[in-house]
Amino acid sequence: MPAKAKSPKSSRPHMPGYGLPKGTKGLLPWKWAEQRLQRSRQYWISTTRRDGAPHTMVIWGLWLDGRFYFSTGTESRKARNLASNPHCVICNDNAAEAVILEGVAKIQAIDPAFRKRFNQLYEKKYKFDMAEFSDPIYAVTPSVAFGMYEKKFQGTATRWKF
């Protein structure tokens, strides 16, 4: 099983013209982002085609142990894009409390115990049994993340670096 990722360092995102305050007062805690990643039912994934064109699709997945896990067919557009460029963006399903992860997706050579855990949590969340599926499980390890809380946007806009 992969080791849990370290907690990231928080700061203000660089957003000229948006009137964000200086300093760290009001930054969102990483726990805020993790709660939204865990609660989200659908997620958005953005990948890049070989010709540089973007591709965005809705997916199901799990935020687990500091990484985002999802499965997709080996011939899907997502899988083909990730095979040539593993960089991607993952977003939760609530834009009013947005969490945006930028990272790298890698196919996991997962031990049977982790696959069983993934399948159980996936079935509990989605009421969909993955036990018979052999498609790869991807893990997205974030390098940077953003938190945008619409109700208090200027004071709480946060960037986390891993």
Protein backbone atom coordinates (compact mmCIF):
# COMPACT_ATOMS: atom_id res chain seq x y z
CA MET A 1 0.00 0.00 0.00
CA PRO A 2 1.36 3.46 -0.87
CA ALA A 3 2.59 5.62 2.00
CA LYS A 4 0.36 8.51 3.01
CA ALA A 5 1.35 11.80 1.42
CA LYS A 6 2.68 14.62 3.62
CA SER A 7 0.51 17.58 4.54
CA PRO A 8 1.09 20.43 2.11
CA LYS A 9 2.27 23.98 2.80
CA SER A 10 -0.45 26.62 2.41
CA SER A 11 -0.10 30.09 0.89
CA ARG A 12 -2.04 32.57 -1.21
CA PRO A 13 -2.44 31.75 -4.90
CA HIS A 14 -0.92 34.20 -7.37
CA MET A 15 -4.03 35.91 -8.80
CA PRO A 16 -3.23 39.48 -9.86
CA GLY A 17 -6.30 41.70 -10.06
CA TYR A 18 -8.48 39.63 -7.73
CA GLY A 19 -7.78 41.70 -4.61
CA LEU A 20 -6.49 38.86 -2.47
CA PRO A 21 -5.05 39.99 0.87
CA LYS A 22 -1.39 39.57 1.75
CA GLY A 23 -0.41 37.19 4.51
CA THR A 24 -1.86 33.93 5.71
CA LYS A 25 -4.86 35.05 7.77
CA GLY A 26 -7.98 33.27 6.54
CA LEU A 27 -6.25 30.55 4.50
CA LEU A 28 -8.25 27.34 4.33
CA PRO A 29 -6.86 24.36 6.23
CA TRP A 30 -5.89 21.30 4.19
CA LYS A 31 -8.54 19.37 6.16
CA TRP A 32 -11.18 21.58 4.44
CA ALA A 33 -9.95 20.41 1.03
CA GLU A 34 -9.74 16.76 2.04
CA GLN A 35 -13.31 16.80 3.37
CA ARG A 36 -14.58 18.08 0.02
CA LEU A 37 -12.50 15.57 -1.91
CA GLN A 38 -13.88 12.74 0.23
CA ARG A 39 -17.51 13.94 0.01
CA SER A 40 -17.57 14.60 -3.72
CA ARG A 41 -19.55 12.03 -5.69
CA GLN A 42 -18.38 13.04 -9.16
CA TYR A 43 -15.07 14.56 -10.13
CA TRP A 44 -13.71 16.23 -13.23
CA ILE A 45 -10.45 15.08 -14.79
CA SER A 46 -8.62 17.13 -17.40
CA THR A 47 -5.92 15.52 -19.49
CA THR A 48 -4.06 16.53 -22.65
CA ARG A 49 -4.20 14.82 -26.02
CA ARG A 50 -1.00 14.18 -27.96
CA ASP A 51 -1.75 17.20 -30.17
CA GLY A 52 -2.02 19.45 -27.08
CA ALA A 53 -5.83 19.72 -27.12
CA PRO A 54 -7.47 19.48 -23.69
CA HIS A 55 -9.89 16.74 -22.70
CA THR A 56 -12.17 16.96 -19.65
CA MET A 57 -14.49 14.21 -18.44
CA VAL A 58 -16.59 13.34 -15.40
CA ILE A 59 -15.32 10.37 -13.39
CA TRP A 60 -15.93 8.52 -10.14
CA GLY A 61 -13.08 8.08 -7.69
CA LEU A 62 -11.82 8.03 -4.12
CA TRP A 63 -9.69 10.44 -2.12
CA LEU A 64 -7.66 8.08 0.01
CA ASP A 65 -4.36 8.34 1.89
CA GLY A 66 -3.47 11.70 0.33
CA ARG A 67 -4.05 10.63 -3.26
CA PHE A 68 -6.93 10.50 -5.72
CA TYR A 69 -7.69 7.02 -7.08
CA PHE A 70 -9.83 6.15 -10.08
CA SER A 71 -10.14 3.43 -12.68
CA THR A 72 -10.72 3.72 -16.40
CA GLY A 73 -10.61 1.40 -19.37
CA THR A 74 -7.22 1.03 -21.00
CA GLU A 75 -8.58 2.26 -24.35
CA SER A 76 -10.46 5.27 -22.96
CA ARG A 77 -9.43 8.77 -24.09
CA LYS A 78 -8.27 9.48 -20.50
CA ALA A 79 -6.02 6.42 -20.40
CA ARG A 80 -4.54 7.12 -23.82
CA ASN A 81 -3.88 10.75 -22.89
CA LEU A 82 -2.30 9.79 -19.56
CA ALA A 83 -0.08 7.22 -21.30
CA SER A 84 1.55 10.01 -23.32
CA ASN A 85 1.35 12.76 -20.66
CA PRO A 86 0.58 11.75 -17.06
CA HIS A 87 -0.04 15.34 -15.90
CA CYS A 88 -3.68 16.01 -15.12
CA VAL A 89 -6.09 18.13 -13.11
CA ILE A 90 -8.73 16.69 -10.78
CA CYS A 91 -11.63 18.83 -9.49
CA ASN A 92 -14.41 18.03 -7.06
CA ASP A 93 -18.08 18.40 -7.99
CA ASN A 94 -18.95 21.63 -6.12
CA ALA A 95 -17.63 24.80 -7.75
CA ALA A 96 -18.87 26.92 -4.82
CA GLU A 97 -16.41 24.99 -2.60
CA ALA A 98 -13.88 24.03 -5.24
CA VAL A 99 -10.79 21.93 -4.77
CA ILE A 100 -8.49 21.76 -7.78
CA LEU A 101 -5.60 19.27 -7.76
CA GLU A 102 -2.73 19.41 -10.24
CA GLY A 103 -0.63 16.28 -10.30
CA VAL A 104 0.64 13.20 -12.04
CA ALA A 105 -1.42 10.05 -12.58
CA LYS A 106 0.34 6.71 -12.47
CA ILE A 107 -1.01 3.22 -12.91
CA GLN A 108 -0.65 1.47 -9.61
CA ALA A 109 0.97 -1.94 -9.27
CA ILE A 110 -1.36 -2.48 -6.35
CA ASP A 111 -1.17 -5.38 -3.97
CA PRO A 112 -4.35 -7.48 -3.65
CA ALA A 113 -5.11 -6.09 -0.18
CA PHE A 114 -5.22 -2.51 -1.49
CA ARG A 115 -7.33 -3.48 -4.53
CA LYS A 116 -9.78 -5.20 -2.16
CA ARG A 117 -9.90 -2.06 0.03
CA PHE A 118 -10.41 0.15 -3.05
CA ASN A 119 -13.20 -2.11 -4.35
CA GLN A 120 -14.99 -2.14 -0.98
CA LEU A 121 -14.85 1.64 -0.56
CA TYR A 122 -15.84 2.18 -4.19
CA GLU A 123 -18.83 -0.14 -3.86
CA LYS A 124 -19.91 1.54 -0.61
CA LYS A 125 -19.74 4.99 -2.22
CA TYR A 126 -21.20 4.24 -5.65
CA LYS A 127 -23.17 1.00 -5.12
CA PHE A 128 -21.11 -0.42 -7.98
CA ASP A 129 -19.07 -3.59 -7.61
CA MET A 130 -15.57 -3.29 -9.12
CA ALA A 131 -14.44 -6.76 -8.00
CA GLU A 132 -14.73 -8.30 -11.48
CA PHE A 133 -13.02 -5.41 -13.27
CA SER A 134 -9.37 -5.74 -14.20
CA ASP A 135 -8.87 -2.22 -15.56
CA PRO A 136 -5.95 -0.41 -13.98
CA ILE A 137 -6.32 1.83 -10.96
CA TYR A 138 -4.62 5.20 -11.30
CA ALA A 139 -3.31 7.24 -8.40
CA VAL A 140 -3.00 11.00 -8.82
CA THR A 141 -0.39 12.42 -6.49
CA PRO A 142 -0.95 16.16 -6.22
CA SER A 143 1.93 18.62 -6.59
CA VAL A 144 -0.21 21.72 -6.04
CA ALA A 145 -3.86 22.24 -5.07
CA PHE A 146 -6.18 25.22 -4.84
CA GLY A 147 -9.16 25.85 -2.58
CA MET A 148 -11.81 28.36 -3.62
CA TYR A 149 -14.66 29.04 -1.18
CA GLU A 150 -17.12 31.24 -3.09
CA LYS A 151 -18.85 32.83 -0.06
CA LYS A 152 -15.54 34.16 1.28
CA PHE A 153 -13.42 33.98 -1.86
CA GLN A 154 -11.01 36.89 -1.39
CA GLY A 155 -10.11 36.09 2.20
CA THR A 156 -9.87 32.32 1.85
CA ALA A 157 -8.40 31.58 -1.59
CA THR A 158 -5.65 29.08 -0.81
CA ARG A 159 -2.84 27.28 -2.63
CA TRP A 160 -1.23 24.18 -1.17
CA LYS A 161 2.17 22.93 -2.34
CA PHE A 162 3.23 19.36 -1.69
